[in-house]
């Protein structure tokens, strides 16, 4: 599982552990998936996101 750092426009950050991330243009959010794409780990609306960065594998929990 990979670790993704979310940087928000407010200056806050979060780290999400997931197998992957996809942008959903209809919902206007980033969908973080686990279990080989079968389960949703987190939904992050794009309106408040500055960046999404995949961290090096050694940072994944």
C-alpha atoms as a PDB file:
ATOM      1  CA  UNK A   1       0.000   0.000   0.000  1.00  0.00           C
ATOM      2  CA  UNK A   2       1.294   3.460  -0.862  1.00  0.00           C
ATOM      3  CA  UNK A   3       1.196   6.644   1.199  1.00  0.00           C
ATOM      4  CA  UNK A   4      -0.165   9.869  -0.301  1.00  0.00           C
ATOM      5  CA  UNK A   5       0.342  13.314   1.207  1.00  0.00           C
ATOM      6  CA  UNK A   6      -2.562  15.716   0.671  1.00  0.00           C
ATOM      7  CA  UNK A   7      -1.651  19.419   0.868  1.00  0.00           C
ATOM      8  CA  UNK A   8      -4.667  21.672   1.396  1.00  0.00           C
ATOM      9  CA  UNK A   9      -5.071  25.347   0.471  1.00  0.00           C
ATOM     10  CA  UNK A  10      -5.335  26.101   4.208  1.00  0.00           C
ATOM     11  CA  UNK A  11      -1.756  24.870   4.749  1.00  0.00           C
ATOM     12  CA  UNK A  12      -2.907  21.664   6.490  1.00  0.00           C
ATOM     13  CA  UNK A  13      -1.677  18.240   5.367  1.00  0.00           C
ATOM     14  CA  UNK A  14      -2.971  14.687   5.674  1.00  0.00           C
ATOM     15  CA  UNK A  15      -1.442  11.337   4.825  1.00  0.00           C
ATOM     16  CA  UNK A  16      -3.650   8.624   3.353  1.00  0.00           C
ATOM     17  CA  UNK A  17      -2.565   5.010   2.884  1.00  0.00           C
ATOM     18  CA  UNK A  18      -4.141   3.519  -0.238  1.00  0.00           C
ATOM     19  CA  UNK A  19      -3.375   1.269  -3.186  1.00  0.00           C
ATOM     20  CA  UNK A  20      -4.161   4.050  -5.652  1.00  0.00           C
ATOM     21  CA  UNK A  21      -5.863   7.351  -6.327  1.00  0.00           C
ATOM     22  CA  UNK A  22      -8.196   8.365  -9.141  1.00  0.00           C
ATOM     23  CA  UNK A  23      -9.720  11.710 -10.069  1.00  0.00           C
ATOM     24  CA  UNK A  24     -13.517  11.584 -10.519  1.00  0.00           C
ATOM     25  CA  UNK A  25     -14.490  14.487 -12.817  1.00  0.00           C
ATOM     26  CA  UNK A  26     -18.232  13.993 -12.169  1.00  0.00           C
ATOM     27  CA  UNK A  27     -17.908  14.122  -8.375  1.00  0.00           C
ATOM     28  CA  UNK A  28     -14.930  16.541  -8.543  1.00  0.00           C
ATOM     29  CA  UNK A  29     -12.987  14.582  -5.952  1.00  0.00           C
ATOM     30  CA  UNK A  30      -9.962  12.357  -5.557  1.00  0.00           C
ATOM     31  CA  UNK A  31     -10.999   8.798  -4.772  1.00  0.00           C
ATOM     32  CA  UNK A  32      -8.405   6.814  -2.818  1.00  0.00           C
ATOM     33  CA  UNK A  33      -8.839   3.069  -3.211  1.00  0.00           C
ATOM     34  CA  UNK A  34      -7.569   0.032  -1.342  1.00  0.00           C
ATOM     35  CA  UNK A  35      -7.809  -3.733  -1.788  1.00  0.00           C
ATOM     36  CA  UNK A  36      -6.724  -3.674  -5.442  1.00  0.00           C
ATOM     37  CA  UNK A  37      -9.278  -0.993  -6.345  1.00  0.00           C
ATOM     38  CA  UNK A  38     -12.317  -2.666  -4.770  1.00  0.00           C
ATOM     39  CA  UNK A  39     -12.737  -0.521  -1.673  1.00  0.00           C
ATOM     40  CA  UNK A  40     -12.846   3.235  -1.164  1.00  0.00           C
ATOM     41  CA  UNK A  41     -10.418   4.439   1.508  1.00  0.00           C
ATOM     42  CA  UNK A  42     -11.109   8.200   1.276  1.00  0.00           C
ATOM     43  CA  UNK A  43     -12.827  10.867  -0.820  1.00  0.00           C
ATOM     44  CA  UNK A  44     -11.101  14.255  -1.007  1.00  0.00           C
ATOM     45  CA  UNK A  45     -12.915  17.174  -2.708  1.00  0.00           C
ATOM     46  CA  UNK A  46     -10.649  19.009  -5.172  1.00  0.00           C
ATOM     47  CA  UNK A  47     -11.902  22.465  -4.158  1.00  0.00           C
ATOM     48  CA  UNK A  48      -9.616  22.552  -1.109  1.00  0.00           C
ATOM     49  CA  UNK A  49      -6.594  20.614  -2.447  1.00  0.00           C
ATOM     50  CA  UNK A  50      -3.313  22.215  -3.465  1.00  0.00           C
ATOM     51  CA  UNK A  51      -1.548  18.934  -4.297  1.00  0.00           C
ATOM     52  CA  UNK A  52      -1.557  15.161  -3.950  1.00  0.00           C
ATOM     53  CA  UNK A  53       1.913  13.603  -3.698  1.00  0.00           C
ATOM     54  CA  UNK A  54       2.776   9.913  -3.565  1.00  0.00           C
ATOM     55  CA  UNK A  55       5.423   9.456  -0.891  1.00  0.00           C
ATOM     56  CA  UNK A  56       8.393   7.082  -1.269  1.00  0.00           C
ATOM     57  CA  UNK A  57       7.486   3.496  -0.379  1.00  0.00           C
ATOM     58  CA  UNK A  58       9.481   3.535   2.881  1.00  0.00           C
ATOM     59  CA  UNK A  59       7.063   6.247   4.196  1.00  0.00           C
ATOM     60  CA  UNK A  60       4.004   4.010   3.742  1.00  0.00           C
ATOM     61  CA  UNK A  61       2.596   2.670   7.005  1.00  0.00           C
END
